[in-house]
Amino acid sequence: MSHSADVARGTAAIVEQMVGTSVPLAWCGGNPSGGLGTDVSAILTAIETAWSERGVAILADLGGA
């Protein structure tokens, strides 16, 4: 999760390259209008998407995220 959709998308791509597709992965970034910010609904959806019996790891950028 990030204030920037581009940063979140890029970080998810790096993680996927490291772990492959066997680990559930989701990302979210930016506000609902597409600008910088956060979207609580998108964060909750990403957590639900990536959730497994083993739990979920949340990577957040620096700042208020």
PDB file of N, CA and C in Angstrom:
ATOM      1  N   MET A   1       0.850  -1.154   0.000  1.00  0.00           N
ATOM      2  CA  MET A   1       0.000   0.000   0.000  1.00  0.00           C
ATOM      3  C   MET A   1       0.898   1.219   0.000  1.00  0.00           C
ATOM      4  N   SER A   2       0.478   2.227  -0.740  1.00  0.00           N
ATOM      5  CA  SER A   2       1.273   3.437  -0.870  1.00  0.00           C
ATOM      6  C   SER A   2       0.360   4.629  -1.131  1.00  0.00           C
ATOM      7  N   HIS A   3       0.891   5.802  -0.954  1.00  0.00           N
ATOM      8  CA  HIS A   3       0.162   7.005  -1.346  1.00  0.00           C
ATOM      9  C   HIS A   3       0.133   7.151  -2.866  1.00  0.00           C
ATOM     10  N   SER A   4       0.989   6.407  -3.548  1.00  0.00           N
ATOM     11  CA  SER A   4       1.112   6.485  -5.002  1.00  0.00           C
ATOM     12  C   SER A   4       0.767   5.135  -5.631  1.00  0.00           C
ATOM     13  N   ALA A   5      -0.155   5.150  -6.574  1.00  0.00           N
ATOM     14  CA  ALA A   5      -0.510   3.906  -7.268  1.00  0.00           C
ATOM     15  C   ALA A   5       0.695   3.355  -8.024  1.00  0.00           C
ATOM     16  N   ASP A   6       1.511   4.221  -8.604  1.00  0.00           N
ATOM     17  CA  ASP A   6       2.683   3.770  -9.357  1.00  0.00           C
ATOM     18  C   ASP A   6       3.684   3.055  -8.448  1.00  0.00           C
ATOM     19  N   VAL A   7       3.920   3.611  -7.264  1.00  0.00           N
ATOM     20  CA  VAL A   7       4.842   2.975  -6.315  1.00  0.00           C
ATOM     21  C   VAL A   7       4.281   1.628  -5.864  1.00  0.00           C
ATOM     22  N   ALA A   8       3.001   1.573  -5.558  1.00  0.00           N
ATOM     23  CA  ALA A   8       2.376   0.322  -5.107  1.00  0.00           C
ATOM     24  C   ALA A   8       2.441  -0.744  -6.198  1.00  0.00           C
ATOM     25  N   ARG A   9       2.127  -0.357  -7.420  1.00  0.00           N
ATOM     26  CA  ARG A   9       2.155  -1.296  -8.547  1.00  0.00           C
ATOM     27  C   ARG A   9       3.577  -1.808  -8.780  1.00  0.00           C
ATOM     28  N   GLY A  10       4.558  -0.927  -8.722  1.00  0.00           N
ATOM     29  CA  GLY A  10       5.954  -1.319  -8.924  1.00  0.00           C
ATOM     30  C   GLY A  10       6.457  -2.241  -7.826  1.00  0.00           C
ATOM     31  N   THR A  11       6.098  -1.941  -6.591  1.00  0.00           N
ATOM     32  CA  THR A  11       6.502  -2.789  -5.468  1.00  0.00           C
ATOM     33  C   THR A  11       5.889  -4.174  -5.595  1.00  0.00           C
ATOM     34  N   ALA A  12       4.632  -4.235  -5.981  1.00  0.00           N
ATOM     35  CA  ALA A  12       3.966  -5.531  -6.176  1.00  0.00           C
ATOM     36  C   ALA A  12       4.657  -6.327  -7.277  1.00  0.00           C
ATOM     37  N   ALA A  13       5.098  -5.655  -8.333  1.00  0.00           N
ATOM     38  CA  ALA A  13       5.796  -6.347  -9.424  1.00  0.00           C
ATOM     39  C   ALA A  13       7.117  -6.933  -8.931  1.00  0.00           C
ATOM     40  N   ILE A  14       7.834  -6.188  -8.088  1.00  0.00           N
ATOM     41  CA  ILE A  14       9.098  -6.700  -7.533  1.00  0.00           C
ATOM     42  C   ILE A  14       8.833  -7.912  -6.651  1.00  0.00           C
ATOM     43  N   VAL A  15       7.836  -7.824  -5.784  1.00  0.00           N
ATOM     44  CA  VAL A  15       7.504  -8.942  -4.902  1.00  0.00           C
ATOM     45  C   VAL A  15       7.119 -10.164  -5.726  1.00  0.00           C
ATOM     46  N   GLU A  16       6.309  -9.970  -6.759  1.00  0.00           N
ATOM     47  CA  GLU A  16       5.899 -11.102  -7.596  1.00  0.00           C
ATOM     48  C   GLU A  16       7.095 -11.749  -8.284  1.00  0.00           C
ATOM     49  N   GLN A  17       8.075 -10.949  -8.682  1.00  0.00           N
ATOM     50  CA  GLN A  17       9.276 -11.515  -9.295  1.00  0.00           C
ATOM     51  C   GLN A  17      10.057 -12.362  -8.292  1.00  0.00           C
ATOM     52  N   MET A  18      10.002 -12.000  -7.017  1.00  0.00           N
ATOM     53  CA  MET A  18      10.736 -12.739  -5.988  1.00  0.00           C
ATOM     54  C   MET A  18      10.007 -14.005  -5.551  1.00  0.00           C
ATOM     55  N   VAL A  19       8.678 -13.957  -5.428  1.00  0.00           N
ATOM     56  CA  VAL A  19       7.942 -15.093  -4.859  1.00  0.00           C
ATOM     57  C   VAL A  19       7.116 -15.858  -5.890  1.00  0.00           C
ATOM     58  N   GLY A  20       6.985 -15.326  -7.086  1.00  0.00           N
ATOM     59  CA  GLY A  20       6.175 -15.986  -8.103  1.00  0.00           C
ATOM     60  C   GLY A  20       4.690 -15.797  -7.858  1.00  0.00           C
ATOM     61  N   THR A  21       3.912 -16.641  -8.466  1.00  0.00           N
ATOM     62  CA  THR A  21       2.458 -16.505  -8.368  1.00  0.00           C
ATOM     63  C   THR A  21       1.840 -17.453  -7.340  1.00  0.00           C
ATOM     64  N   SER A  22       2.686 -18.191  -6.600  1.00  0.00           N
ATOM     65  CA  SER A  22       2.153 -19.130  -5.613  1.00  0.00           C
ATOM     66  C   SER A  22       1.697 -18.428  -4.332  1.00  0.00           C
ATOM     67  N   VAL A  23       2.046 -17.164  -4.169  1.00  0.00           N
ATOM     68  CA  VAL A  23       1.651 -16.389  -2.998  1.00  0.00           C
ATOM     69  C   VAL A  23       0.595 -15.374  -3.428  1.00  0.00           C
ATOM     70  N   PRO A  24      -0.559 -15.340  -2.748  1.00  0.00           N
ATOM     71  CA  PRO A  24      -1.576 -14.341  -3.100  1.00  0.00           C
ATOM     72  C   PRO A  24      -1.008 -12.927  -2.932  1.00  0.00           C
ATOM     73  N   LEU A  25      -1.237 -12.073  -3.910  1.00  0.00           N
ATOM     74  CA  LEU A  25      -0.659 -10.740  -3.904  1.00  0.00           C
ATOM     75  C   LEU A  25      -1.696  -9.724  -4.356  1.00  0.00           C
ATOM     76  N   ALA A  26      -1.752  -8.624  -3.656  1.00  0.00           N
ATOM     77  CA  ALA A  26      -2.631  -7.521  -4.047  1.00  0.00           C
ATOM     78  C   ALA A  26      -1.911  -6.223  -3.720  1.00  0.00           C
ATOM     79  N   TRP A  27      -2.285  -5.164  -4.382  1.00  0.00           N
ATOM     80  CA  TRP A  27      -1.690  -3.861  -4.102  1.00  0.00           C
ATOM     81  C   TRP A  27      -2.762  -2.793  -4.195  1.00  0.00           C
ATOM     82  N   CYS A  28      -2.495  -1.673  -3.556  1.00  0.00           N
ATOM     83  CA  CYS A  28      -3.374  -0.521  -3.679  1.00  0.00           C
ATOM     84  C   CYS A  28      -2.553   0.734  -3.435  1.00  0.00           C
ATOM     85  N   GLY A  29      -2.955   1.801  -4.074  1.00  0.00           N
ATOM     86  CA  GLY A  29      -2.251   3.058  -3.891  1.00  0.00           C
ATOM     87  C   GLY A  29      -3.056   4.210  -4.444  1.00  0.00           C
ATOM     88  N   GLY A  30      -2.855   5.345  -3.850  1.00  0.00           N
ATOM     89  CA  GLY A  30      -3.530   6.545  -4.322  1.00  0.00           C
ATOM     90  C   GLY A  30      -4.921   6.689  -3.736  1.00  0.00           C
ATOM     91  N   ASN A  31      -5.517   7.822  -4.045  1.00  0.00           N
ATOM     92  CA  ASN A  31      -6.874   8.087  -3.554  1.00  0.00           C
ATOM     93  C   ASN A  31      -7.908   7.685  -4.611  1.00  0.00           C
ATOM     94  N   PRO A  32      -9.182   7.697  -4.287  1.00  0.00           N
ATOM     95  CA  PRO A  32     -10.209   7.264  -5.237  1.00  0.00           C
ATOM     96  C   PRO A  32     -10.238   8.073  -6.537  1.00  0.00           C
ATOM     97  N   SER A  33      -9.713   9.286  -6.519  1.00  0.00           N
ATOM     98  CA  SER A  33      -9.704  10.124  -7.730  1.00  0.00           C
ATOM     99  C   SER A  33      -8.490   9.863  -8.611  1.00  0.00           C
ATOM    100  N   GLY A  34      -7.598   8.991  -8.162  1.00  0.00           N
ATOM    101  CA  GLY A  34      -6.408   8.677  -8.949  1.00  0.00           C
ATOM    102  C   GLY A  34      -5.191   9.499  -8.588  1.00  0.00           C
ATOM    103  N   GLY A  35      -5.318  10.384  -7.609  1.00  0.00           N
ATOM    104  CA  GLY A  35      -4.187  11.191  -7.172  1.00  0.00           C
ATOM    105  C   GLY A  35      -3.468  10.550  -6.001  1.00  0.00           C
ATOM    106  N   LEU A  36      -2.545  11.296  -5.441  1.00  0.00           N
ATOM    107  CA  LEU A  36      -1.830  10.817  -4.266  1.00  0.00           C
ATOM    108  C   LEU A  36      -2.761  10.800  -3.066  1.00  0.00           C
ATOM    109  N   GLY A  37      -2.607   9.804  -2.230  1.00  0.00           N
ATOM    110  CA  GLY A  37      -3.433   9.696  -1.040  1.00  0.00           C
ATOM    111  C   GLY A  37      -3.691   8.240  -0.713  1.00  0.00           C
ATOM    112  N   THR A  38      -4.677   7.998   0.122  1.00  0.00           N
ATOM    113  CA  THR A  38      -5.038   6.634   0.496  1.00  0.00           C
ATOM    114  C   THR A  38      -6.540   6.439   0.379  1.00  0.00           C
ATOM    115  N   ASP A  39      -6.918   5.189   0.252  1.00  0.00           N
ATOM    116  CA  ASP A  39      -8.324   4.816   0.112  1.00  0.00           C
ATOM    117  C   ASP A  39      -8.563   3.608   1.014  1.00  0.00           C
ATOM    118  N   VAL A  40      -9.203   3.831   2.139  1.00  0.00           N
ATOM    119  CA  VAL A  40      -9.418   2.771   3.121  1.00  0.00           C
ATOM    120  C   VAL A  40     -10.143   1.581   2.500  1.00  0.00           C
ATOM    121  N   SER A  41     -11.123   1.830   1.668  1.00  0.00           N
ATOM    122  CA  SER A  41     -11.862   0.743   1.018  1.00  0.00           C
ATOM    123  C   SER A  41     -10.934  -0.111   0.156  1.00  0.00           C
ATOM    124  N   ALA A  42     -10.053   0.532  -0.589  1.00  0.00           N
ATOM    125  CA  ALA A  42      -9.104  -0.203  -1.442  1.00  0.00           C
ATOM    126  C   ALA A  42      -8.113  -1.003  -0.597  1.00  0.00           C
ATOM    127  N   ILE A  43      -7.705  -0.444   0.538  1.00  0.00           N
ATOM    128  CA  ILE A  43      -6.791  -1.150   1.427  1.00  0.00           C
ATOM    129  C   ILE A  43      -7.463  -2.418   1.957  1.00  0.00           C
ATOM    130  N   LEU A  44      -8.692  -2.299   2.421  1.00  0.00           N
ATOM    131  CA  LEU A  44      -9.418  -3.467   2.945  1.00  0.00           C
ATOM    132  C   LEU A  44      -9.642  -4.516   1.863  1.00  0.00           C
ATOM    133  N   THR A  45      -9.957  -4.075   0.650  1.00  0.00           N
ATOM    134  CA  THR A  45     -10.147  -5.016  -0.458  1.00  0.00           C
ATOM    135  C   THR A  45      -8.847  -5.750  -0.782  1.00  0.00           C
ATOM    136  N   ALA A  46      -7.728  -5.033  -0.791  1.00  0.00           N
ATOM    137  CA  ALA A  46      -6.436  -5.662  -1.063  1.00  0.00           C
ATOM    138  C   ALA A  46      -6.096  -6.691   0.009  1.00  0.00           C
ATOM    139  N   ILE A  47      -6.365  -6.361   1.265  1.00  0.00           N
ATOM    140  CA  ILE A  47      -6.107  -7.311   2.351  1.00  0.00           C
ATOM    141  C   ILE A  47      -6.962  -8.565   2.169  1.00  0.00           C
ATOM    142  N   GLU A  48      -8.232  -8.391   1.864  1.00  0.00           N
ATOM    143  CA  GLU A  48      -9.111  -9.544   1.651  1.00  0.00           C
ATOM    144  C   GLU A  48      -8.660 -10.381   0.457  1.00  0.00           C
ATOM    145  N   THR A  49      -8.176  -9.736  -0.597  1.00  0.00           N
ATOM    146  CA  THR A  49      -7.721 -10.431  -1.801  1.00  0.00           C
ATOM    147  C   THR A  49      -6.480 -11.272  -1.520  1.00  0.00           C
ATOM    148  N   ALA A  50      -5.556 -10.729  -0.729  1.00  0.00           N
ATOM    149  CA  ALA A  50      -4.291 -11.415  -0.474  1.00  0.00           C
ATOM    150  C   ALA A  50      -4.354 -12.362   0.722  1.00  0.00           C
ATOM    151  N   TRP A  51      -5.425 -12.328   1.488  1.00  0.00           N
ATOM    152  CA  TRP A  51      -5.520 -13.116   2.710  1.00  0.00           C
ATOM    153  C   TRP A  51      -5.455 -14.600   2.414  1.00  0.00           C
ATOM    154  N   SER A  52      -4.747 -15.327   3.268  1.00  0.00           N
ATOM    155  CA  SER A  52      -4.724 -16.790   3.207  1.00  0.00           C
ATOM    156  C   SER A  52      -4.687 -17.304   4.641  1.00  0.00           C
ATOM    157  N   GLU A  53      -4.736 -18.619   4.803  1.00  0.00           N
ATOM    158  CA  GLU A  53      -4.674 -19.206   6.137  1.00  0.00           C
ATOM    159  C   GLU A  53      -3.371 -18.859   6.845  1.00  0.00           C
ATOM    160  N   ARG A  54      -2.338 -18.552   6.067  1.00  0.00           N
ATOM    161  CA  ARG A  54      -1.036 -18.206   6.638  1.00  0.00           C
ATOM    162  C   ARG A  54      -0.975 -16.739   7.050  1.00  0.00           C
ATOM    163  N   GLY A  55      -2.029 -15.975   6.771  1.00  0.00           N
ATOM    164  CA  GLY A  55      -2.069 -14.566   7.139  1.00  0.00           C
ATOM    165  C   GLY A  55      -1.787 -13.680   5.942  1.00  0.00           C
ATOM    166  N   VAL A  56      -1.395 -12.459   6.235  1.00  0.00           N
ATOM    167  CA  VAL A  56      -1.114 -11.489   5.181  1.00  0.00           C
ATOM    168  C   VAL A  56      -0.027 -10.547   5.675  1.00  0.00           C
ATOM    169  N   ALA A  57       0.875 -10.171   4.806  1.00  0.00           N
ATOM    170  CA  ALA A  57       1.905  -9.172   5.117  1.00  0.00           C
ATOM    171  C   ALA A  57       1.517  -7.877   4.398  1.00  0.00           C
ATOM    172  N   ILE A  58       1.618  -6.777   5.108  1.00  0.00           N
ATOM    173  CA  ILE A  58       1.273  -5.494   4.515  1.00  0.00           C
ATOM    174  C   ILE A  58       2.531  -4.632   4.451  1.00  0.00           C
ATOM    175  N   LEU A  59       2.916  -4.244   3.262  1.00  0.00           N
ATOM    176  CA  LEU A  59       4.049  -3.346   3.059  1.00  0.00           C
ATOM    177  C   LEU A  59       3.502  -1.945   2.825  1.00  0.00           C
ATOM    178  N   ALA A  60       3.952  -1.004   3.623  1.00  0.00           N
ATOM    179  CA  ALA A  60       3.465   0.368   3.499  1.00  0.00           C
ATOM    180  C   ALA A  60       4.630   1.320   3.261  1.00  0.00           C
ATOM    181  N   ASP A  61       4.381   2.366   2.482  1.00  0.00           N
ATOM    182  CA  ASP A  61       5.421   3.364   2.281  1.00  0.00           C
ATOM    183  C   ASP A  61       5.553   4.234   3.523  1.00  0.00           C
ATOM    184  N   LEU A  62       6.556   5.063   3.543  1.00  0.00           N
ATOM    185  CA  LEU A  62       6.752   5.969   4.674  1.00  0.00           C
ATOM    186  C   LEU A  62       5.701   7.067   4.662  1.00  0.00           C
ATOM    187  N   GLY A  63       5.444   7.607   5.794  1.00  0.00           N
ATOM    188  CA  GLY A  63       4.458   8.676   5.882  1.00  0.00           C
ATOM    189  C   GLY A  63       3.223   8.218   6.627  1.00  0.00           C
ATOM    190  N   GLY A  64       2.103   8.779   6.267  1.00  0.00           N
ATOM    191  CA  GLY A  64       0.858   8.499   6.961  1.00  0.00           C
ATOM    192  C   GLY A  64       0.227   7.176   6.629  1.00  0.00           C
ATOM    193  N   ALA A  65       0.756   6.436   5.650  1.00  0.00           N
ATOM    194  CA  ALA A  65       0.166   5.153   5.278  1.00  0.00           C
ATOM    195  C   ALA A  65       0.282   4.179   6.416  1.00  0.00           C
TER     196      ALA A  65
END
